[in-house]
N, C-alpha and C. Protein backbone atom coordinates (compact mmCIF):
# COMPACT_ATOMS: atom_id res chain seq x y z
N MET A 1 94.89 89.21 97.62
CA MET A 1 93.61 89.49 96.49
C MET A 1 92.58 88.40 97.05
N LEU A 2 91.37 89.16 97.01
CA LEU A 2 90.21 88.39 97.26
C LEU A 2 89.48 87.51 96.15
N ILE A 3 89.17 86.33 96.42
CA ILE A 3 88.62 85.61 95.35
C ILE A 3 87.27 85.10 95.89
N ILE A 4 86.22 85.44 94.90
CA ILE A 4 84.86 85.32 95.27
C ILE A 4 84.31 84.22 94.25
N PRO A 5 84.13 82.91 94.72
CA PRO A 5 83.75 81.94 93.54
C PRO A 5 82.18 82.12 93.22
N ILE A 6 82.06 82.23 91.95
CA ILE A 6 80.52 82.46 91.50
C ILE A 6 79.88 81.17 91.14
N LYS A 7 78.94 81.01 91.79
CA LYS A 7 78.20 79.50 91.52
C LYS A 7 77.55 79.75 90.16
N GLU A 8 77.26 78.58 89.43
CA GLU A 8 76.50 78.69 88.16
C GLU A 8 75.36 79.15 88.41
N GLY A 9 74.77 80.13 87.44
CA GLY A 9 73.66 80.63 87.45
C GLY A 9 73.42 81.57 88.49
N GLU A 10 74.44 81.99 89.11
CA GLU A 10 74.12 83.09 90.24
C GLU A 10 73.98 84.62 89.55
N ASN A 11 73.40 85.51 90.22
CA ASN A 11 73.31 86.87 89.57
C ASN A 11 74.70 87.50 90.08
N ILE A 12 75.33 88.44 89.02
CA ILE A 12 76.34 89.15 89.31
C ILE A 12 76.35 89.89 90.32
N ASP A 13 75.01 90.72 90.58
CA ASP A 13 74.94 91.71 91.67
C ASP A 13 74.99 90.99 92.99
N ARG A 14 74.50 89.86 93.15
CA ARG A 14 74.79 88.95 94.42
C ARG A 14 76.16 89.00 94.77
N ALA A 15 77.05 88.38 93.47
CA ALA A 15 78.33 88.19 93.94
C ALA A 15 78.96 89.37 94.25
N LEU A 16 78.61 90.56 93.67
CA LEU A 16 79.32 91.70 93.88
C LEU A 16 79.09 92.11 95.41
N LYS A 17 77.73 91.90 95.87
CA LYS A 17 77.47 92.13 97.26
C LYS A 17 78.43 91.31 98.17
N ARG A 18 78.62 89.97 97.73
CA ARG A 18 79.25 89.17 98.63
C ARG A 18 80.90 89.77 98.51
N TYR A 19 81.28 90.18 97.60
CA TYR A 19 82.63 90.72 97.41
C TYR A 19 82.93 91.94 98.20
N LYS A 20 81.82 93.02 98.35
CA LYS A 20 81.86 94.24 98.94
C LYS A 20 81.96 93.82 100.66
N ARG A 21 81.19 92.83 100.84
CA ARG A 21 81.01 92.49 102.21
C ARG A 21 82.41 91.79 102.80
N LYS A 22 82.87 91.13 101.82
CA LYS A 22 84.38 90.42 102.21
C LYS A 22 85.23 91.52 102.31
N PHE A 23 85.29 92.41 101.49
CA PHE A 23 86.25 93.53 101.34
C PHE A 23 86.10 94.23 102.74
N ASP A 24 85.06 94.39 103.23
CA ASP A 24 85.01 95.40 104.39
C ASP A 24 85.33 94.69 105.65
N ARG A 25 85.09 93.28 105.50
CA ARG A 25 85.60 92.29 106.72
C ARG A 25 87.08 92.28 106.90
N VAL A 26 87.82 92.19 105.79
CA VAL A 26 89.20 92.07 105.77
C VAL A 26 89.93 93.45 106.23
N GLY A 27 89.24 94.54 105.85
CA GLY A 27 89.76 95.94 106.44
C GLY A 27 90.84 96.28 105.58
N VAL A 28 90.86 96.25 104.26
CA VAL A 28 91.93 96.59 103.59
C VAL A 28 92.01 98.12 103.46
N ILE A 29 91.08 98.98 103.55
CA ILE A 29 90.93 100.48 103.57
C ILE A 29 91.73 100.78 104.74
N ARG A 30 91.20 100.31 105.91
CA ARG A 30 91.56 100.88 107.29
C ARG A 30 93.25 100.61 107.38
N LYS A 31 93.67 99.33 106.98
CA LYS A 31 95.06 99.10 106.99
C LYS A 31 95.95 100.11 106.08
N LEU A 32 95.39 100.34 105.01
CA LEU A 32 96.13 101.39 104.18
C LEU A 32 96.22 102.83 104.85
N ARG A 33 94.94 103.14 105.44
CA ARG A 33 95.07 104.74 105.87
C ARG A 33 95.95 104.42 107.26
N ALA A 34 95.88 103.48 107.81
CA ALA A 34 96.72 103.41 109.14
C ALA A 34 98.14 103.37 108.83
N LYS A 35 98.65 102.97 107.56
CA LYS A 35 100.16 102.88 107.33
C LYS A 35 100.55 104.17 106.71
N GLN A 36 99.59 105.06 106.40
CA GLN A 36 100.01 106.45 105.67
C GLN A 36 100.86 107.18 106.49
N GLN A 37 100.68 107.17 107.99
CA GLN A 37 101.47 107.90 108.86
C GLN A 37 101.76 106.88 110.18
N PHE A 38 102.87 107.41 110.78
CA PHE A 38 103.47 106.46 111.88
C PHE A 38 102.50 107.10 113.03
N THR A 39 102.20 106.10 113.82
CA THR A 39 101.82 106.57 115.41
C THR A 39 102.65 105.82 116.18
N LYS A 40 102.89 106.66 117.39
CA LYS A 40 103.80 105.90 118.54
C LYS A 40 102.91 104.85 119.20
N PRO A 41 103.56 103.87 119.51
CA PRO A 41 102.85 102.66 120.24
C PRO A 41 102.25 103.26 121.64
N SER A 42 102.72 104.30 122.19
CA SER A 42 101.89 104.78 123.41
C SER A 42 100.69 105.52 122.91
N VAL A 43 100.73 105.96 121.90
CA VAL A 43 99.41 106.97 121.48
C VAL A 43 98.40 105.89 121.01
N GLU A 44 98.81 104.75 120.29
CA GLU A 44 97.88 103.70 120.03
C GLU A 44 97.12 103.12 121.19
N ARG A 45 98.08 102.64 122.40
CA ARG A 45 97.73 102.22 123.40
C ARG A 45 96.54 103.11 124.27
N ARG A 46 96.95 104.58 124.12
CA ARG A 46 96.16 105.40 124.88
C ARG A 46 94.55 105.51 124.20
N ALA A 47 94.68 105.45 122.79
CA ALA A 47 93.41 105.43 121.95
C ALA A 47 92.68 104.18 122.19
N THR A 48 93.33 102.95 122.20
CA THR A 48 92.49 101.84 122.44
C THR A 48 91.99 101.80 124.00
N LEU A 49 92.69 102.40 125.02
CA LEU A 49 92.05 102.41 126.32
C LEU A 49 91.06 103.51 126.38
N GLN A 50 91.16 104.60 125.71
CA GLN A 50 90.09 105.64 125.64
C GLN A 50 88.81 104.93 125.11
N LYS A 51 88.99 104.21 123.90
CA LYS A 51 87.91 103.64 123.21
C LYS A 51 87.25 102.46 124.21
N ALA A 52 87.84 101.71 124.87
CA ALA A 52 87.62 100.78 125.89
C ALA A 52 86.47 101.49 126.93
N GLN A 53 87.06 102.60 127.19
CA GLN A 53 86.31 103.28 128.64
C GLN A 53 85.15 103.88 127.83
N TYR A 54 85.08 104.32 126.72
CA TYR A 54 83.83 104.93 126.32
C TYR A 54 82.79 103.84 125.96
N ILE A 55 83.28 102.80 125.61
CA ILE A 55 82.42 101.55 125.31
C ILE A 55 81.96 101.14 126.63
N GLN A 56 82.58 101.11 127.70
CA GLN A 56 82.23 100.67 129.18
C GLN A 56 81.20 101.63 129.68
N THR A 57 81.37 102.86 129.43
CA THR A 57 80.27 103.89 129.93
C THR A 57 79.04 103.68 129.12
N LEU A 58 79.20 103.40 127.84
CA LEU A 58 77.86 103.20 127.17
C LEU A 58 77.13 101.91 127.60
N ARG A 59 77.87 100.69 128.12
CA ARG A 59 77.15 99.58 128.36
C ARG A 59 76.78 99.87 129.97
N ASP A 60 77.31 100.76 130.75
CA ASP A 60 77.04 101.02 132.12
C ASP A 60 75.61 101.86 131.92
N LYS A 61 75.56 102.65 130.97
CA LYS A 61 74.36 103.64 130.77
C LYS A 61 73.10 102.63 130.54
N GLU A 62 73.55 101.83 129.45
CA GLU A 62 72.40 100.66 128.98
C GLU A 62 71.97 99.84 130.13
N ASN A 63 72.71 99.33 130.97
CA ASN A 63 72.39 98.48 132.12
C ASN A 63 71.47 99.10 133.22
N GLN A 64 71.66 100.42 133.42
CA GLN A 64 70.92 101.29 134.58
C GLN A 64 69.49 101.46 134.18
């Protein structure tokens, strides 16, 4: 459970904005969606390698 302390006199909209930001950083939704179905460890490794290769090509293009 996420706890957001609200300071005295703080606007509720600002506190909600902090809550949403913290919720996104924790990655609750991503974890729930990942647990909905099982993926083999080899498939996960392959996906991370492909993502790393893609990012590397983008960085190589940027440096040229």
